[in-house]
Amino acid sequence: MAVDEGRRKFLRMLTGVPIAGGLAVLSGRPAIPGPPPSRQSAPSRPVVASCRRDGLRDGKGDLDPGKLDEVLTAALTRAVGEGTPVGAMRHLFRPSDVVGIKLNCIAGRGLSPSPALVRRLCDHLREAGVPARNIVIWDRTDRELSAAGYEIVRSGSGVRCMGTEDDYERTPREWGAGGSCFAGILVNDLTALINVGVLKDHDLAGVSVGLKNWYGTIHNPNKHHAEGCAPYIPHLAACPLIREKLRLTVIDASTVQYQGGPARNPRWSKPWNGVLASTDPVAVDAVGWRIIETHRKEAGLPLLAEEKREPVWIAAAGRLGLGQAEMGKIDLAQS
């Protein structure tokens, strides 16, 4: 399917959700305070790959290995513009990189990135020349990782998997709208990042797809939820520790939870059977937001704006030059 045709089909699917002019629904709101927009910006037409297969997640919550390979291969190759997943990883990462795969496991098993998906990402990285010892699966705590199905491995020659625990900087640093101590592994060890999130509603931020995941890198995320997390989410993502290392965002979209987040709430969850991927972190969140809004509409729920939970920080991230926030300027590659 041609990219333009795919985008039109996707936008038609979202009929009834305010999308005219990208984020025109934000018009009339006061400007979000913070630093002026950056002159550096992502490509004007980034690609978000949206790849789905019926039955990707079975009734027990497990991912079908063959279908997972299909959707992940399609997502990575389309998002990066390479012929194979290994080629995509080789395009983004060097063998000398220490790659942190940042997860979002706060909701536990069933609404956290699947270990099977993350293992395949690690496989592709290794095949692209990144040594296993240079790959770190990482989140806030060992407890949250374990609850989501991950085995904690802090040493050895293989892929490591660990929580930050108490390993934060001792002195806070400013990052625009806030100030925090960052995870020591991010500051001292990692040279490149893959952000792996999920498709879920968030009671304060509106949605938690990719960018919200960076709250798991600081010691005081509880201090940065006022005003719907704006301007905190975009300013945190703009911090050089994150912005200069982030190469790829992958969303485990096997399930979408469109209400009741950020904790897992099966009542408001349903299979979506897909993976989203992009090198543009803002575009991924813009697409994920629309998917969540679509399911809210189908369930008879009000728009997030009507609940005063509209994720205005997505537009703010676009204004900061972190990526493309306008749906009309995003190429959706669907399969």
Protein backbone atom coordinates (compact mmCIF):
# COMPACT_ATOMS: atom_id res chain seq x y z
CA MET A 1 0.00 0.00 0.00
CA ALA A 2 1.37 3.43 -0.88
CA VAL A 3 2.28 5.59 2.09
CA ASP A 4 -0.10 8.43 1.14
CA GLU A 5 -2.97 6.00 0.64
CA GLY A 6 -2.20 4.39 3.98
CA ARG A 7 -2.20 7.75 5.72
CA ARG A 8 -5.57 8.69 4.21
CA LYS A 9 -7.02 5.34 5.25
CA PHE A 10 -5.72 5.80 8.78
CA LEU A 11 -7.14 9.30 9.05
CA ARG A 12 -10.51 8.10 7.76
CA MET A 13 -10.45 5.48 10.52
CA LEU A 14 -10.20 8.31 13.02
CA THR A 15 -13.33 10.11 11.82
CA GLY A 16 -14.80 12.02 14.69
CA VAL A 17 -11.49 12.63 16.41
CA PRO A 18 -10.29 16.26 16.06
CA ILE A 19 -7.34 16.02 13.66
CA ALA A 20 -7.78 18.91 11.26
CA GLY A 21 -4.53 20.77 10.96
CA GLY A 22 -2.72 18.14 13.01
CA LEU A 23 -3.15 19.48 16.54
CA ALA A 24 -5.48 22.32 15.70
CA VAL A 25 -7.65 21.22 18.64
CA LEU A 26 -5.08 23.01 20.80
CA SER A 27 -5.85 26.41 19.33
CA GLY A 28 -6.80 29.04 21.84
CA ARG A 29 -4.82 27.52 24.68
CA PRO A 30 -2.11 29.61 26.29
CA ALA A 31 1.44 28.87 25.16
CA ILE A 32 3.25 26.32 27.32
CA PRO A 33 6.10 28.06 29.12
CA GLY A 34 9.67 26.99 28.59
CA PRO A 35 12.63 27.47 26.28
CA PRO A 36 12.03 28.77 22.76
CA PRO A 37 11.64 26.24 19.93
CA SER A 38 14.86 24.67 18.74
CA ARG A 39 16.10 25.41 15.24
CA GLN A 40 17.01 21.76 14.96
CA SER A 41 14.01 19.63 14.09
CA ALA A 42 13.15 16.16 12.88
CA PRO A 43 12.41 15.57 9.18
CA SER A 44 9.20 17.30 8.14
CA ARG A 45 7.65 13.99 7.03
CA PRO A 46 8.82 11.26 9.39
CA VAL A 47 7.62 7.68 8.99
CA VAL A 48 5.66 5.85 11.66
CA ALA A 49 5.35 2.16 10.83
CA SER A 50 2.08 0.60 12.01
CA CYS A 51 2.13 -3.17 11.52
CA ARG A 52 -0.61 -5.55 12.69
CA ARG A 53 -1.51 -9.25 12.51
CA ASP A 54 -4.72 -10.81 13.81
CA GLY A 55 -3.99 -13.16 16.67
CA LEU A 56 -0.64 -11.62 17.55
CA ARG A 57 -1.54 -11.90 21.25
CA ASP A 58 -3.32 -15.10 22.24
CA GLY A 59 -5.94 -15.63 24.94
CA LYS A 60 -3.24 -16.27 27.56
CA GLY A 61 -1.54 -12.97 26.77
CA ASP A 62 1.44 -14.51 24.98
CA LEU A 63 2.70 -13.30 21.60
CA ASP A 64 2.73 -15.70 18.68
CA PRO A 65 6.45 -15.99 17.72
CA GLY A 66 5.90 -16.14 13.96
CA LYS A 67 3.49 -13.22 13.87
CA LEU A 68 5.73 -11.23 16.21
CA ASP A 69 8.62 -11.66 13.77
CA GLU A 70 6.38 -10.51 10.92
CA VAL A 71 5.16 -7.31 12.58
CA LEU A 72 8.51 -6.40 14.14
CA THR A 73 10.37 -6.98 10.87
CA ALA A 74 7.86 -4.87 8.95
CA ALA A 75 7.90 -2.11 11.58
CA LEU A 76 11.69 -1.82 11.84
CA THR A 77 12.38 -1.94 8.11
CA ARG A 78 9.69 0.58 7.22
CA ALA A 79 10.53 2.95 10.07
CA VAL A 80 14.25 3.05 9.25
CA GLY A 81 14.10 2.50 5.48
CA GLU A 82 16.29 -0.61 5.37
CA GLY A 83 15.59 -4.01 3.85
CA THR A 84 16.02 -6.12 7.01
CA PRO A 85 15.77 -5.62 10.78
CA VAL A 86 19.52 -6.22 11.06
CA GLY A 87 20.11 -3.58 8.40
CA ALA A 88 17.90 -1.18 10.36
CA MET A 89 19.90 -1.76 13.53
CA ARG A 90 23.19 -1.46 11.67
CA HIS A 91 21.98 1.86 10.26
CA LEU A 92 21.20 3.23 13.75
CA PHE A 93 23.84 1.69 16.02
CA ARG A 94 27.60 1.12 16.00
CA PRO A 95 29.29 -2.00 17.42
CA SER A 96 30.96 0.28 19.96
CA ASP A 97 27.62 1.59 21.30
CA VAL A 98 26.28 0.62 24.69
CA VAL A 99 22.56 0.41 23.94
CA GLY A 100 19.97 0.91 26.65
CA ILE A 101 16.52 -0.50 25.91
CA LYS A 102 14.30 1.57 28.21
CA LEU A 103 11.05 -0.17 29.14
CA ASN A 104 7.85 0.91 30.87
CA CYS A 105 6.94 -1.89 33.28
CA ILE A 106 5.03 0.02 35.96
CA ALA A 107 1.72 -1.69 35.04
CA GLY A 108 3.09 -5.22 35.34
CA ARG A 109 2.49 -8.23 33.13
CA GLY A 110 -0.16 -7.65 30.48
CA LEU A 111 0.48 -3.92 30.01
CA SER A 112 4.25 -3.80 29.80
CA PRO A 113 6.50 -4.43 26.79
CA SER A 114 6.56 -8.14 26.02
CA PRO A 115 9.83 -9.93 26.91
CA ALA A 116 9.49 -11.81 23.60
CA LEU A 117 9.48 -8.54 21.62
CA VAL A 118 12.44 -7.16 23.57
CA ARG A 119 14.40 -10.40 23.06
CA ARG A 120 13.95 -10.07 19.30
CA LEU A 121 15.23 -6.48 19.44
CA CYS A 122 18.29 -7.77 21.28
CA ASP A 123 18.76 -10.49 18.67
CA HIS A 124 18.71 -7.94 15.85
CA LEU A 125 21.17 -5.70 17.68
CA ARG A 126 23.60 -8.59 18.19
CA GLU A 127 23.30 -9.65 14.56
CA ALA A 128 24.09 -6.05 13.61
CA GLY A 129 27.37 -6.23 15.50
CA VAL A 130 26.53 -4.83 18.94
CA PRO A 131 28.08 -7.19 21.52
CA ALA A 132 25.59 -8.79 23.91
CA ARG A 133 27.44 -7.29 26.89
CA ASN A 134 26.75 -3.83 25.39
CA ILE A 135 22.97 -4.28 25.47
CA VAL A 136 21.10 -3.33 28.64
CA ILE A 137 17.37 -3.89 29.18
CA TRP A 138 16.52 -1.29 31.77
CA ASP A 139 13.74 0.30 33.84
CA ARG A 140 13.24 1.94 37.21
CA THR A 141 13.33 -1.09 39.52
CA ASP A 142 14.18 -4.77 39.55
CA ARG A 143 10.78 -5.41 41.09
CA GLU A 144 8.85 -3.86 38.20
CA LEU A 145 10.96 -5.68 35.63
CA SER A 146 10.48 -9.01 37.38
CA ALA A 147 6.73 -8.46 37.68
CA ALA A 148 6.59 -7.88 33.91
CA GLY A 149 8.34 -11.18 33.22
CA TYR A 150 12.01 -10.18 32.93
CA GLU A 151 14.94 -11.96 34.58
CA ILE A 152 17.35 -9.64 36.36
CA VAL A 153 20.93 -10.07 35.08
CA ARG A 154 23.47 -7.52 36.29
CA SER A 155 26.75 -9.12 35.25
CA GLY A 156 28.30 -11.51 32.79
CA SER A 157 29.04 -11.42 29.08
CA GLY A 158 25.44 -11.58 27.87
CA VAL A 159 22.60 -9.07 27.66
CA ARG A 160 22.03 -7.41 31.01
CA CYS A 161 18.64 -6.58 32.52
CA MET A 162 18.36 -4.34 35.56
CA GLY A 163 16.53 -1.60 37.36
CA THR A 164 18.10 1.72 38.28
CA GLU A 165 17.21 1.05 41.94
CA ASP A 166 19.04 3.78 43.93
CA ASP A 167 21.78 4.47 41.38
CA TYR A 168 20.99 8.12 40.62
CA GLU A 169 23.22 11.17 40.39
CA ARG A 170 23.86 12.77 43.75
CA THR A 171 23.32 16.33 42.52
CA PRO A 172 20.22 17.35 40.55
CA ARG A 173 20.59 18.94 37.14
CA GLU A 174 18.14 21.32 35.49
CA TRP A 175 16.35 20.18 32.33
CA GLY A 176 14.19 23.13 31.30
CA ALA A 177 10.96 22.95 33.27
CA GLY A 178 12.33 20.73 36.02
CA GLY A 179 15.30 19.48 37.93
CA SER A 180 16.25 15.89 38.76
CA CYS A 181 18.96 13.38 39.46
CA PHE A 182 19.22 11.08 36.45
CA ALA A 183 19.87 7.34 36.47
CA GLY A 184 23.58 6.64 36.75
CA ILE A 185 23.52 4.11 33.91
CA LEU A 186 22.10 6.76 31.56
CA VAL A 187 24.68 9.35 32.60
CA ASN A 188 27.78 7.17 32.75
CA ASP A 189 27.34 4.08 30.59
CA LEU A 190 24.79 4.24 27.78
CA THR A 191 25.69 5.81 24.46
CA ALA A 192 22.46 5.01 22.59
CA LEU A 193 18.81 4.40 23.46
CA ILE A 194 15.81 2.46 22.23
CA ASN A 195 12.55 3.50 23.89
CA VAL A 196 10.06 0.63 24.17
CA GLY A 197 6.61 1.61 25.41
CA VAL A 198 3.00 0.51 25.27
CA LEU A 199 -0.35 1.96 24.14
CA LYS A 200 -2.16 3.14 27.24
CA ASP A 201 -4.29 5.81 28.79
CA HIS A 202 -2.85 7.92 31.60
CA ASP A 203 -5.03 9.59 34.22
CA LEU A 204 -2.95 12.79 34.28
CA ALA A 205 -0.95 12.94 31.02
CA GLY A 206 -3.82 11.69 28.85
CA VAL A 207 -1.74 8.99 27.19
CA SER A 208 1.48 7.13 27.89
CA VAL A 209 3.03 5.80 24.70
CA GLY A 210 6.70 6.70 24.27
CA LEU A 211 7.77 10.10 25.59
CA LYS A 212 6.16 9.63 29.02
CA ASN A 213 8.49 6.67 29.48
CA TRP A 214 11.41 9.00 30.22
CA TYR A 215 9.91 9.75 33.64
CA GLY A 216 11.47 6.41 34.54
CA THR A 217 14.97 7.88 34.19
CA ILE A 218 14.73 10.47 37.00
CA HIS A 219 14.59 10.18 40.78
CA ASN A 220 11.54 12.43 41.27
CA PRO A 221 8.91 11.73 38.59
CA ASN A 222 6.16 12.42 41.13
CA LYS A 223 7.15 16.11 41.08
CA HIS A 224 6.37 16.53 37.38
CA HIS A 225 2.72 15.62 36.87
CA ALA A 226 1.08 19.03 37.35
CA GLU A 227 -0.83 20.62 34.45
CA GLY A 228 -1.19 17.31 32.63
CA CYS A 229 2.59 16.78 32.68
CA ALA A 230 3.12 19.79 30.41
CA PRO A 231 5.71 21.19 29.94
CA TYR A 232 7.60 18.48 31.83
CA ILE A 233 7.36 15.60 29.35
CA PRO A 234 8.76 17.49 26.34
CA HIS A 235 11.41 19.30 28.37
CA LEU A 236 12.64 16.04 29.88
CA ALA A 237 12.80 14.44 26.42
CA ALA A 238 14.76 17.49 25.22
CA CYS A 239 17.47 16.92 27.83
CA PRO A 240 20.70 16.07 25.94
CA LEU A 241 21.13 12.91 28.03
CA ILE A 242 18.04 11.56 26.26
CA ARG A 243 17.72 13.53 23.04
CA GLU A 244 21.28 13.01 21.85
CA LYS A 245 21.21 9.25 22.55
CA LEU A 246 17.73 8.25 21.38
CA ARG A 247 17.79 6.41 18.04
CA LEU A 248 14.52 4.47 17.88
CA THR A 249 11.09 4.19 19.49
CA VAL A 250 9.22 0.87 19.39
CA ILE A 251 5.74 0.46 20.87
CA ASP A 252 4.36 -2.91 21.88
CA ALA A 253 0.86 -2.27 20.56
CA SER A 254 -0.36 -5.84 20.99
CA THR A 255 -2.83 -4.40 23.51
CA VAL A 256 -4.39 -0.96 23.77
CA GLN A 257 -5.77 0.32 27.07
CA TYR A 258 -7.90 3.37 26.41
CA GLN A 259 -9.15 4.21 29.92
CA GLY A 260 -8.12 3.61 33.53
CA GLY A 261 -4.36 3.98 33.12
CA PRO A 262 -1.55 4.03 33.91
CA ALA A 263 -2.27 0.89 35.96
CA ARG A 264 -3.51 -2.19 34.11
CA ASN A 265 -7.29 -2.32 33.81
CA PRO A 266 -8.54 -5.23 31.65
CA ARG A 267 -12.04 -3.74 31.51
CA TRP A 268 -10.75 -0.97 29.23
CA SER A 269 -8.23 -3.06 27.27
CA LYS A 270 -8.52 -4.91 23.99
CA PRO A 271 -6.14 -6.53 21.52
CA TRP A 272 -4.63 -4.24 18.90
CA ASN A 273 -2.26 -6.90 17.61
CA GLY A 274 0.48 -4.61 16.37
CA VAL A 275 3.79 -2.84 16.70
CA LEU A 276 4.54 0.83 16.08
CA ALA A 277 8.05 2.04 15.28
CA SER A 278 9.70 5.30 14.28
CA THR A 279 12.91 7.27 14.55
CA ASP A 280 10.68 10.26 15.40
CA PRO A 281 9.58 10.05 19.06
CA VAL A 282 6.90 12.72 18.76
CA ALA A 283 5.25 11.25 15.68
CA VAL A 284 4.86 7.89 17.45
CA ASP A 285 3.04 9.54 20.35
CA ALA A 286 0.83 11.53 17.99
CA VAL A 287 -0.23 8.31 16.23
CA GLY A 288 -0.66 6.43 19.53
CA TRP A 289 -2.85 9.21 20.89
CA ARG A 290 -5.20 8.91 17.92
CA ILE A 291 -5.43 5.13 18.29
CA ILE A 292 -6.41 5.54 21.94
CA GLU A 293 -8.96 8.23 21.09
CA THR A 294 -10.48 5.97 18.43
CA HIS A 295 -11.05 3.20 20.96
CA ARG A 296 -12.48 5.66 23.46
CA LYS A 297 -15.00 6.78 20.87
CA GLU A 298 -15.94 3.19 20.01
CA ALA A 299 -16.51 2.51 23.73
CA GLY A 300 -18.71 5.59 24.10
CA LEU A 301 -16.16 7.46 26.21
CA PRO A 302 -15.57 11.22 25.86
CA LEU A 303 -12.52 12.61 24.13
CA LEU A 304 -9.57 13.23 26.42
CA ALA A 305 -10.00 16.97 25.86
CA GLU A 306 -13.53 16.71 27.29
CA GLU A 307 -12.06 15.08 30.39
CA LYS A 308 -9.44 17.86 30.58
CA ARG A 309 -6.71 15.26 29.92
CA GLU A 310 -5.74 16.18 26.37
CA PRO A 311 -2.00 15.47 25.90
CA VAL A 312 -1.04 19.01 24.93
CA TRP A 313 2.59 18.13 25.61
CA ILE A 314 2.74 16.33 22.25
CA ALA A 315 2.34 19.65 20.42
CA ALA A 316 4.84 21.21 22.83
CA ALA A 317 7.36 18.51 21.96
CA GLY A 318 6.89 19.38 18.30
CA ARG A 319 7.47 23.06 19.00
CA LEU A 320 10.70 22.17 20.80
CA GLY A 321 11.95 20.50 17.63
CA LEU A 322 11.85 16.98 19.05
CA GLY A 323 9.78 15.64 16.17
CA GLN A 324 6.62 16.02 14.14
CA ALA A 325 3.36 16.42 16.07
CA GLU A 326 1.01 17.14 13.16
CA MET A 327 -0.76 14.06 11.80
CA GLY A 328 -1.01 15.59 8.35
CA LYS A 329 2.80 15.69 8.15
CA ILE A 330 3.43 12.12 9.27
CA ASP A 331 3.74 9.26 6.79
CA LEU A 332 1.94 6.20 8.14
CA ALA A 333 3.37 3.00 6.69
CA GLN A 334 0.75 0.35 7.43
CA SER A 335 0.84 -3.37 6.91
